[in-house]
Amino acid sequence: MAAMISFNDVSKCYPGGFEALKGVTLSIDQGELILFAGHSGAGKSTLLKLIAAIERPTSGSIIVGQQNIGTLRRSAIPYLRRNIGMIFQEQKILYDRNVFANVMLPLQVTGFDTRTSASRVRAALDKVGLLDKERADPITLSGGEKQRLCIARAVVHRPSLLIADEPTANLDSNYARDIMAVFESFNQVGVTVLISTHDRMLLDSTRHRIIELKQGKLVA
């Protein structure tokens, strides 16, 4: 199976000298589901942001789908991200729009026609179990439902890669299991899924590959 993402001796240093990643080398195959484990500040979020070209590496090279992230032109980044669904801790839910309109937004931004968009939005909501809430205001949703809304919005453009940074951080164990099952359902249809977590229950119960980071270095 071809490597979809490869890190070769990647380091990331922030202004002020903080080194978030140190000499990371790893390969991720298409169709994998991987959990990135480690303490807060271990470098998990930085690693995911590098893959999505939100951050650039200080040294080393990152190849994502045959594109070198470090040399990617700014104008090419939106095209890279069309294949990536992103779920970060700051959910950025729009509370002045209903659930349907929140999920519709990425398709409007990329210029999908209305009819195609509507069917895609409903398919995404159905996939995460929120189809019956499409007209609901986000403020009325539970914590787990808000996270499902974020997942639906991240997958509505049918990306080949899904990135989730601590997606179960503020959820109880039942909601966390439900969210993990949603990610596994996407992985089963061929989506590559990368999840950062320090949720011990998820890590102890998974059958998927775990990559552990400690103080910016790969340790396992």
C-alpha atoms as a PDB file:
ATOM      1  CA  MET A   1       0.000   0.000   0.000  1.00  0.00           C
ATOM      2  CA  ALA A   2       1.362   3.427  -0.947  1.00  0.00           C
ATOM      3  CA  ALA A   3       2.338   5.807   1.838  1.00  0.00           C
ATOM      4  CA  MET A   4      -0.145   8.675   1.864  1.00  0.00           C
ATOM      5  CA  ILE A   5       1.833  10.804   4.323  1.00  0.00           C
ATOM      6  CA  SER A   6       5.526  10.692   5.189  1.00  0.00           C
ATOM      7  CA  PHE A   7       7.557  12.702   7.694  1.00  0.00           C
ATOM      8  CA  ASN A   8      11.323  12.699   7.211  1.00  0.00           C
ATOM      9  CA  ASP A   9      13.320  14.068  10.163  1.00  0.00           C
ATOM     10  CA  VAL A  10      10.741  16.803  10.819  1.00  0.00           C
ATOM     11  CA  SER A  11      11.226  19.440  13.509  1.00  0.00           C
ATOM     12  CA  LYS A  12       9.002  22.383  14.368  1.00  0.00           C
ATOM     13  CA  CYS A  13      10.287  25.278  16.434  1.00  0.00           C
ATOM     14  CA  TYR A  14       8.025  28.159  17.477  1.00  0.00           C
ATOM     15  CA  PRO A  15       9.105  31.769  18.098  1.00  0.00           C
ATOM     16  CA  GLY A  16      10.740  31.973  21.508  1.00  0.00           C
ATOM     17  CA  GLY A  17      12.579  28.698  20.949  1.00  0.00           C
ATOM     18  CA  PHE A  18       9.934  26.134  21.959  1.00  0.00           C
ATOM     19  CA  GLU A  19      10.590  22.959  19.956  1.00  0.00           C
ATOM     20  CA  ALA A  20       7.221  21.227  19.513  1.00  0.00           C
ATOM     21  CA  LEU A  21       8.550  18.395  17.304  1.00  0.00           C
ATOM     22  CA  LYS A  22      12.087  17.002  17.190  1.00  0.00           C
ATOM     23  CA  GLY A  23      13.356  14.833  14.332  1.00  0.00           C
ATOM     24  CA  VAL A  24      10.096  12.976  13.632  1.00  0.00           C
ATOM     25  CA  THR A  25      10.183  10.312  10.915  1.00  0.00           C
ATOM     26  CA  LEU A  26       7.071   8.276  10.191  1.00  0.00           C
ATOM     27  CA  SER A  27       4.968   6.876   7.372  1.00  0.00           C
ATOM     28  CA  ILE A  28       1.165   6.665   7.186  1.00  0.00           C
ATOM     29  CA  ASP A  29      -0.538   4.430   4.652  1.00  0.00           C
ATOM     30  CA  GLN A  30      -3.716   5.227   2.799  1.00  0.00           C
ATOM     31  CA  GLY A  31      -6.724   3.753   4.607  1.00  0.00           C
ATOM     32  CA  GLU A  32      -5.119   3.604   8.062  1.00  0.00           C
ATOM     33  CA  LEU A  33      -6.750   4.728  11.302  1.00  0.00           C
ATOM     34  CA  ILE A  34      -4.064   5.960  13.698  1.00  0.00           C
ATOM     35  CA  LEU A  35      -4.259   7.301  17.250  1.00  0.00           C
ATOM     36  CA  PHE A  36      -1.575   9.791  18.293  1.00  0.00           C
ATOM     37  CA  ALA A  37      -1.032   9.530  22.038  1.00  0.00           C
ATOM     38  CA  GLY A  38       0.963  11.606  24.497  1.00  0.00           C
ATOM     39  CA  HIS A  39       0.794  14.166  27.287  1.00  0.00           C
ATOM     40  CA  SER A  40      -0.521  17.691  26.746  1.00  0.00           C
ATOM     41  CA  GLY A  41       2.230  19.544  24.877  1.00  0.00           C
ATOM     42  CA  ALA A  42       3.778  16.352  23.473  1.00  0.00           C
ATOM     43  CA  GLY A  43       3.437  17.637  19.899  1.00  0.00           C
ATOM     44  CA  LYS A  44       0.261  15.828  18.773  1.00  0.00           C
ATOM     45  CA  SER A  45      -1.637  18.940  17.671  1.00  0.00           C
ATOM     46  CA  THR A  46       1.424  20.393  15.950  1.00  0.00           C
ATOM     47  CA  LEU A  47       1.899  17.177  13.983  1.00  0.00           C
ATOM     48  CA  LEU A  48      -1.710  17.265  12.739  1.00  0.00           C
ATOM     49  CA  LYS A  49      -1.464  20.980  11.863  1.00  0.00           C
ATOM     50  CA  LEU A  50       1.664  20.296   9.818  1.00  0.00           C
ATOM     51  CA  ILE A  51      -0.197  17.663   7.769  1.00  0.00           C
ATOM     52  CA  ALA A  52      -2.959  20.188   6.989  1.00  0.00           C
ATOM     53  CA  ALA A  53      -0.399  22.937   6.184  1.00  0.00           C
ATOM     54  CA  ILE A  54      -1.750  25.096   9.019  1.00  0.00           C
ATOM     55  CA  GLU A  55       1.857  25.122  10.240  1.00  0.00           C
ATOM     56  CA  ARG A  56       5.058  24.671   8.214  1.00  0.00           C
ATOM     57  CA  PRO A  57       8.017  22.544   9.368  1.00  0.00           C
ATOM     58  CA  THR A  58      11.161  24.306  10.566  1.00  0.00           C
ATOM     59  CA  SER A  59      13.282  21.503   9.121  1.00  0.00           C
ATOM     60  CA  GLY A  60      12.804  18.135   7.449  1.00  0.00           C
ATOM     61  CA  SER A  61      10.194  17.270   4.828  1.00  0.00           C
ATOM     62  CA  ILE A  62       6.517  16.309   4.940  1.00  0.00           C
ATOM     63  CA  ILE A  63       4.902  14.703   1.915  1.00  0.00           C
ATOM     64  CA  VAL A  64       1.089  14.568   1.850  1.00  0.00           C
ATOM     65  CA  GLY A  65      -0.414  12.924  -1.233  1.00  0.00           C
ATOM     66  CA  GLN A  66       2.817  13.556  -3.222  1.00  0.00           C
ATOM     67  CA  GLN A  67       2.901  17.251  -2.242  1.00  0.00           C
ATOM     68  CA  ASN A  68       5.782  18.670  -0.217  1.00  0.00           C
ATOM     69  CA  ILE A  69       4.108  20.723   2.526  1.00  0.00           C
ATOM     70  CA  GLY A  70       7.223  22.787   3.278  1.00  0.00           C
ATOM     71  CA  THR A  71       7.488  24.121  -0.294  1.00  0.00           C
ATOM     72  CA  LEU A  72       3.768  24.386  -1.054  1.00  0.00           C
ATOM     73  CA  ARG A  73       2.703  27.778  -2.376  1.00  0.00           C
ATOM     74  CA  ARG A  74       0.134  29.593  -0.229  1.00  0.00           C
ATOM     75  CA  SER A  75      -2.250  29.617  -3.202  1.00  0.00           C
ATOM     76  CA  ALA A  76      -2.076  25.794  -3.414  1.00  0.00           C
ATOM     77  CA  ILE A  77      -3.082  25.176   0.226  1.00  0.00           C
ATOM     78  CA  PRO A  78      -6.875  25.390  -0.384  1.00  0.00           C
ATOM     79  CA  TYR A  79      -6.532  22.668  -3.036  1.00  0.00           C
ATOM     80  CA  LEU A  80      -4.605  20.437  -0.623  1.00  0.00           C
ATOM     81  CA  ARG A  81      -7.308  20.935   2.014  1.00  0.00           C
ATOM     82  CA  ARG A  82     -10.110  19.894  -0.346  1.00  0.00           C
ATOM     83  CA  ASN A  83      -8.988  16.331   0.364  1.00  0.00           C
ATOM     84  CA  ILE A  84      -8.741  16.859   4.138  1.00  0.00           C
ATOM     85  CA  GLY A  85     -11.508  17.015   6.745  1.00  0.00           C
ATOM     86  CA  MET A  86     -10.426  18.768   9.943  1.00  0.00           C
ATOM     87  CA  ILE A  87     -11.901  18.658  13.448  1.00  0.00           C
ATOM     88  CA  PHE A  88     -10.053  20.803  15.974  1.00  0.00           C
ATOM     89  CA  GLN A  89     -10.788  21.477  19.647  1.00  0.00           C
ATOM     90  CA  GLU A  90     -12.099  24.979  19.021  1.00  0.00           C
ATOM     91  CA  GLN A  91     -15.242  23.771  17.261  1.00  0.00           C
ATOM     92  CA  LYS A  92     -16.126  27.048  15.495  1.00  0.00           C
ATOM     93  CA  ILE A  93     -19.819  26.144  15.343  1.00  0.00           C
ATOM     94  CA  LEU A  94     -21.922  29.035  14.011  1.00  0.00           C
ATOM     95  CA  TYR A  95     -24.693  29.560  16.551  1.00  0.00           C
ATOM     96  CA  ASP A  96     -26.659  31.948  14.328  1.00  0.00           C
ATOM     97  CA  ARG A  97     -27.355  29.090  11.843  1.00  0.00           C
ATOM     98  CA  ASN A  98     -29.094  25.768  12.249  1.00  0.00           C
ATOM     99  CA  VAL A  99     -27.379  22.372  12.020  1.00  0.00           C
ATOM    100  CA  PHE A 100     -28.077  21.987   8.282  1.00  0.00           C
ATOM    101  CA  ALA A 101     -26.635  25.436   7.465  1.00  0.00           C
ATOM    102  CA  ASN A 102     -23.497  24.746   9.548  1.00  0.00           C
ATOM    103  CA  VAL A 103     -22.760  21.590   7.553  1.00  0.00           C
ATOM    104  CA  MET A 104     -23.617  23.304   4.254  1.00  0.00           C
ATOM    105  CA  LEU A 105     -21.027  26.070   4.760  1.00  0.00           C
ATOM    106  CA  PRO A 106     -17.894  24.292   3.372  1.00  0.00           C
ATOM    107  CA  LEU A 107     -19.800  23.399   0.186  1.00  0.00           C
ATOM    108  CA  GLN A 108     -20.979  26.986  -0.281  1.00  0.00           C
ATOM    109  CA  VAL A 109     -17.403  28.211   0.119  1.00  0.00           C
ATOM    110  CA  THR A 110     -16.154  25.831  -2.604  1.00  0.00           C
ATOM    111  CA  GLY A 111     -19.018  26.652  -4.971  1.00  0.00           C
ATOM    112  CA  PHE A 112     -21.121  23.461  -5.022  1.00  0.00           C
ATOM    113  CA  ASP A 113     -24.574  23.876  -6.560  1.00  0.00           C
ATOM    114  CA  THR A 114     -27.483  23.959  -4.120  1.00  0.00           C
ATOM    115  CA  ARG A 115     -29.125  20.659  -5.063  1.00  0.00           C
ATOM    116  CA  THR A 116     -25.894  18.642  -4.858  1.00  0.00           C
ATOM    117  CA  SER A 117     -25.021  20.409  -1.605  1.00  0.00           C
ATOM    118  CA  ALA A 118     -28.352  19.602   0.058  1.00  0.00           C
ATOM    119  CA  SER A 119     -28.083  15.872  -0.700  1.00  0.00           C
ATOM    120  CA  ARG A 120     -24.478  15.797   0.528  1.00  0.00           C
ATOM    121  CA  VAL A 121     -25.379  17.618   3.748  1.00  0.00           C
ATOM    122  CA  ARG A 122     -28.188  15.141   4.479  1.00  0.00           C
ATOM    123  CA  ALA A 123     -25.902  12.190   3.706  1.00  0.00           C
ATOM    124  CA  ALA A 124     -23.259  13.548   6.119  1.00  0.00           C
ATOM    125  CA  LEU A 125     -25.838  14.194   8.860  1.00  0.00           C
ATOM    126  CA  ASP A 126     -27.272  10.712   8.357  1.00  0.00           C
ATOM    127  CA  LYS A 127     -23.800   9.187   8.648  1.00  0.00           C
ATOM    128  CA  VAL A 128     -23.228  10.809  12.064  1.00  0.00           C
ATOM    129  CA  GLY A 129     -26.784  10.188  13.316  1.00  0.00           C
ATOM    130  CA  LEU A 130     -28.010  13.799  13.234  1.00  0.00           C
ATOM    131  CA  LEU A 131     -30.427  13.752  10.289  1.00  0.00           C
ATOM    132  CA  ASP A 132     -33.418  14.258  12.593  1.00  0.00           C
ATOM    133  CA  LYS A 133     -31.740  17.413  14.004  1.00  0.00           C
ATOM    134  CA  GLU A 134     -31.058  19.206  10.707  1.00  0.00           C
ATOM    135  CA  ARG A 135     -33.331  22.149  11.603  1.00  0.00           C
ATOM    136  CA  ALA A 136     -32.190  22.340  15.245  1.00  0.00           C
ATOM    137  CA  ASP A 137     -30.226  25.264  16.649  1.00  0.00           C
ATOM    138  CA  PRO A 138     -26.715  24.151  17.718  1.00  0.00           C
ATOM    139  CA  ILE A 139     -27.267  25.628  21.209  1.00  0.00           C
ATOM    140  CA  THR A 140     -29.847  22.863  21.859  1.00  0.00           C
ATOM    141  CA  LEU A 141     -27.403  20.022  21.081  1.00  0.00           C
ATOM    142  CA  SER A 142     -25.580  17.937  23.703  1.00  0.00           C
ATOM    143  CA  GLY A 143     -21.766  17.887  23.803  1.00  0.00           C
ATOM    144  CA  GLY A 144     -21.651  14.649  21.830  1.00  0.00           C
ATOM    145  CA  GLU A 145     -24.098  15.966  19.238  1.00  0.00           C
ATOM    146  CA  LYS A 146     -22.028  19.132  18.768  1.00  0.00           C
ATOM    147  CA  GLN A 147     -19.000  16.970  18.088  1.00  0.00           C
ATOM    148  CA  ARG A 148     -21.023  14.930  15.557  1.00  0.00           C
ATOM    149  CA  LEU A 149     -22.007  18.196  13.881  1.00  0.00           C
ATOM    150  CA  CYS A 150     -18.303  19.089  13.557  1.00  0.00           C
ATOM    151  CA  ILE A 151     -17.593  15.670  12.052  1.00  0.00           C
ATOM    152  CA  ALA A 152     -20.460  16.030   9.533  1.00  0.00           C
ATOM    153  CA  ARG A 153     -19.101  19.451   8.506  1.00  0.00           C
ATOM    154  CA  ALA A 154     -15.591  17.984   8.132  1.00  0.00           C
ATOM    155  CA  VAL A 155     -16.698  15.101   5.889  1.00  0.00           C
ATOM    156  CA  VAL A 156     -19.434  16.771   3.806  1.00  0.00           C
ATOM    157  CA  HIS A 157     -16.973  17.364   0.923  1.00  0.00           C
ATOM    158  CA  ARG A 158     -15.974  13.658   1.093  1.00  0.00           C
ATOM    159  CA  PRO A 159     -12.277  13.990   1.931  1.00  0.00           C
ATOM    160  CA  SER A 160      -9.833  11.093   1.647  1.00  0.00           C
ATOM    161  CA  LEU A 161      -8.134  12.154   4.910  1.00  0.00           C
ATOM    162  CA  LEU A 162      -9.823  13.023   8.218  1.00  0.00           C
ATOM    163  CA  ILE A 163      -7.856  14.734  11.021  1.00  0.00           C
ATOM    164  CA  ALA A 164      -9.294  15.045  14.539  1.00  0.00           C
ATOM    165  CA  ASP A 165      -7.500  16.794  17.408  1.00  0.00           C
ATOM    166  CA  GLU A 166      -8.720  15.537  20.823  1.00  0.00           C
ATOM    167  CA  PRO A 167     -12.280  14.916  19.519  1.00  0.00           C
ATOM    168  CA  THR A 168     -13.428  13.242  22.761  1.00  0.00           C
ATOM    169  CA  ALA A 169     -11.705  15.624  25.203  1.00  0.00           C
ATOM    170  CA  ASN A 170     -14.835  17.005  26.884  1.00  0.00           C
ATOM    171  CA  LEU A 171     -17.129  13.991  26.470  1.00  0.00           C
ATOM    172  CA  ASP A 172     -18.112  11.241  28.883  1.00  0.00           C
ATOM    173  CA  SER A 173     -17.067   7.665  28.073  1.00  0.00           C
ATOM    174  CA  ASN A 174     -20.333   6.714  26.325  1.00  0.00           C
ATOM    175  CA  TYR A 175     -20.224   9.728  24.012  1.00  0.00           C
ATOM    176  CA  ALA A 176     -16.510   9.110  23.419  1.00  0.00           C
ATOM    177  CA  ARG A 177     -17.217   5.520  22.328  1.00  0.00           C
ATOM    178  CA  ASP A 178     -19.977   6.753  20.003  1.00  0.00           C
ATOM    179  CA  ILE A 179     -17.669   9.318  18.397  1.00  0.00           C
ATOM    180  CA  MET A 180     -14.951   6.686  17.944  1.00  0.00           C
ATOM    181  CA  ALA A 181     -17.502   4.397  16.240  1.00  0.00           C
ATOM    182  CA  VAL A 182     -18.325   7.221  13.802  1.00  0.00           C
ATOM    183  CA  PHE A 183     -14.624   7.593  12.913  1.00  0.00           C
ATOM    184  CA  GLU A 184     -14.319   3.834  12.431  1.00  0.00           C
ATOM    185  CA  SER A 185     -17.322   3.844  10.080  1.00  0.00           C
ATOM    186  CA  PHE A 186     -15.554   6.394   7.848  1.00  0.00           C
ATOM    187  CA  ASN A 187     -12.340   4.399   8.010  1.00  0.00           C
ATOM    188  CA  GLN A 188     -14.199   1.252   6.896  1.00  0.00           C
ATOM    189  CA  VAL A 189     -15.118   2.942   3.605  1.00  0.00           C
ATOM    190  CA  GLY A 190     -11.487   3.862   2.921  1.00  0.00           C
ATOM    191  CA  VAL A 191     -10.998   7.250   4.611  1.00  0.00           C
ATOM    192  CA  THR A 192      -7.604   7.659   6.314  1.00  0.00           C
ATOM    193  CA  VAL A 193      -8.313   8.822   9.887  1.00  0.00           C
ATOM    194  CA  LEU A 194      -5.768  10.469  12.221  1.00  0.00           C
ATOM    195  CA  ILE A 195      -6.839  11.172  15.810  1.00  0.00           C
ATOM    196  CA  SER A 196      -4.856  12.790  18.606  1.00  0.00           C
ATOM    197  CA  THR A 197      -5.981  11.807  22.084  1.00  0.00           C
ATOM    198  CA  HIS A 198      -4.893  11.286  25.657  1.00  0.00           C
ATOM    199  CA  ASP A 199      -8.134   9.385  26.393  1.00  0.00           C
ATOM    200  CA  ARG A 200      -6.866   6.223  28.113  1.00  0.00           C
ATOM    201  CA  MET A 201     -10.116   4.351  27.486  1.00  0.00           C
ATOM    202  CA  LEU A 202      -9.858   4.888  23.729  1.00  0.00           C
ATOM    203  CA  LEU A 203      -6.186   3.960  23.667  1.00  0.00           C
ATOM    204  CA  ASP A 204      -6.674   0.812  25.770  1.00  0.00           C
ATOM    205  CA  SER A 205      -9.651  -0.415  23.735  1.00  0.00           C
ATOM    206  CA  THR A 206      -8.420   0.276  20.190  1.00  0.00           C
ATOM    207  CA  ARG A 207      -7.151  -2.331  17.733  1.00  0.00           C
ATOM    208  CA  HIS A 208      -5.606   0.375  15.542  1.00  0.00           C
ATOM    209  CA  ARG A 209      -2.018   1.623  15.383  1.00  0.00           C
ATOM    210  CA  ILE A 210      -0.976   3.963  18.212  1.00  0.00           C
ATOM    211  CA  ILE A 211       1.895   6.414  17.714  1.00  0.00           C
ATOM    212  CA  GLU A 212       3.141   7.903  20.970  1.00  0.00           C
ATOM    213  CA  LEU A 213       4.840  11.263  21.306  1.00  0.00           C
ATOM    214  CA  LYS A 214       6.765  12.547  24.300  1.00  0.00           C
ATOM    215  CA  GLN A 215       8.221  16.081  24.443  1.00  0.00           C
ATOM    216  CA  GLY A 216       8.139  16.318  20.648  1.00  0.00           C
ATOM    217  CA  LYS A 217       9.774  12.971  19.920  1.00  0.00           C
ATOM    218  CA  LEU A 218       8.316   9.675  18.703  1.00  0.00           C
ATOM    219  CA  VAL A 219       8.728   7.135  21.507  1.00  0.00           C
ATOM    220  CA  ALA A 220       6.543   4.229  20.340  1.00  0.00           C
END
